[in-house]
């Protein structure tokens, strides 16, 4: 799937769709191995970095808001 680079609003939508697929397990890779003694092992995994994907979604949403004349989101660091 090619991600839109020129339209930040379309990019945000596409990235959210990708995140939804990852979270619901639709973008998993499955690996199955059977050893000589009859033992079967199966693993499912994804190589996605959800934190990075979330940051890309926020950046696209901010760029979309700016392109529509809105204000970008601002995040403050708060002490714990």
Protein backbone atom coordinates (compact mmCIF):
# COMPACT_ATOMS: atom_id res chain seq x y z
CA UNK A 1 0.00 0.00 0.00
CA UNK A 2 1.44 3.34 -1.04
CA UNK A 3 1.04 6.09 1.55
CA UNK A 4 -0.03 9.53 0.32
CA UNK A 5 2.81 12.02 0.80
CA UNK A 6 1.33 15.22 -0.67
CA UNK A 7 -2.02 15.31 1.15
CA UNK A 8 -1.57 15.18 4.94
CA UNK A 9 -5.29 14.55 5.54
CA UNK A 10 -5.31 11.49 3.28
CA UNK A 11 -2.03 10.37 4.87
CA UNK A 12 -3.56 10.55 8.35
CA UNK A 13 -6.54 8.46 7.23
CA UNK A 14 -4.31 5.84 5.61
CA UNK A 15 -2.04 5.62 8.65
CA UNK A 16 -5.02 5.18 10.99
CA UNK A 17 -6.32 2.36 8.75
CA UNK A 18 -2.92 0.66 8.92
CA UNK A 19 -2.87 1.02 12.71
CA UNK A 20 -6.36 -0.50 12.95
CA UNK A 21 -5.24 -3.49 10.85
CA UNK A 22 -2.19 -4.02 13.04
CA UNK A 23 -4.19 -3.83 16.26
CA UNK A 24 -6.88 -6.22 15.04
CA UNK A 25 -4.31 -8.75 13.83
CA UNK A 26 -4.97 -8.40 10.11
CA UNK A 27 -1.33 -7.57 9.34
CA UNK A 28 0.31 -10.51 11.05
CA UNK A 29 2.89 -12.84 9.61
CA UNK A 30 2.49 -16.46 10.60
CA UNK A 31 5.33 -18.97 10.64
CA UNK A 32 4.89 -22.69 11.22
CA UNK A 33 7.62 -25.27 11.63
CA UNK A 34 7.41 -29.02 12.08
CA UNK A 35 10.43 -30.82 13.44
CA UNK A 36 11.41 -34.39 12.70
CA UNK A 37 9.85 -35.72 15.91
CA UNK A 38 6.38 -34.45 14.94
CA UNK A 39 6.36 -31.31 17.09
CA UNK A 40 4.71 -28.35 15.35
CA UNK A 41 5.49 -24.81 16.38
CA UNK A 42 3.64 -21.77 15.18
CA UNK A 43 4.50 -18.11 15.72
CA UNK A 44 2.64 -14.96 14.76
CA UNK A 45 4.34 -11.61 14.71
CA UNK A 46 4.42 -8.16 13.25
CA UNK A 47 7.40 -5.88 12.94
CA UNK A 48 5.45 -2.66 13.41
CA UNK A 49 6.52 0.03 15.86
CA UNK A 50 3.17 1.33 17.15
CA UNK A 51 4.77 4.23 19.00
CA UNK A 52 6.41 5.49 15.83
CA UNK A 53 3.20 4.92 13.86
CA UNK A 54 1.26 6.96 16.44
CA UNK A 55 3.78 9.80 16.10
CA UNK A 56 3.42 9.74 12.31
CA UNK A 57 -0.37 9.85 12.65
CA UNK A 58 -0.15 12.87 14.97
CA UNK A 59 2.24 14.64 12.60
CA UNK A 60 -0.10 14.01 9.65
CA UNK A 61 -3.13 15.18 11.67
CA UNK A 62 -1.28 18.37 12.65
CA UNK A 63 -0.26 19.04 9.05
CA UNK A 64 -3.87 18.41 7.99
CA UNK A 65 -5.19 20.88 10.57
CA UNK A 66 -2.69 23.52 9.41
CA UNK A 67 -3.58 22.96 5.74
CA UNK A 68 -7.25 23.58 6.58
CA UNK A 69 -6.47 26.78 8.45
CA UNK A 70 -6.75 25.22 11.88
CA UNK A 71 -4.34 25.21 14.74
CA UNK A 72 -2.01 22.28 15.36
CA UNK A 73 -2.25 20.29 18.54
CA UNK A 74 0.14 21.27 21.24
CA UNK A 75 1.52 18.89 23.77
CA UNK A 76 2.96 19.95 27.08
CA UNK A 77 5.31 17.93 29.19
CA UNK A 78 3.78 17.53 32.60
CA UNK A 79 5.60 16.26 35.69
CA UNK A 80 4.47 12.97 37.18
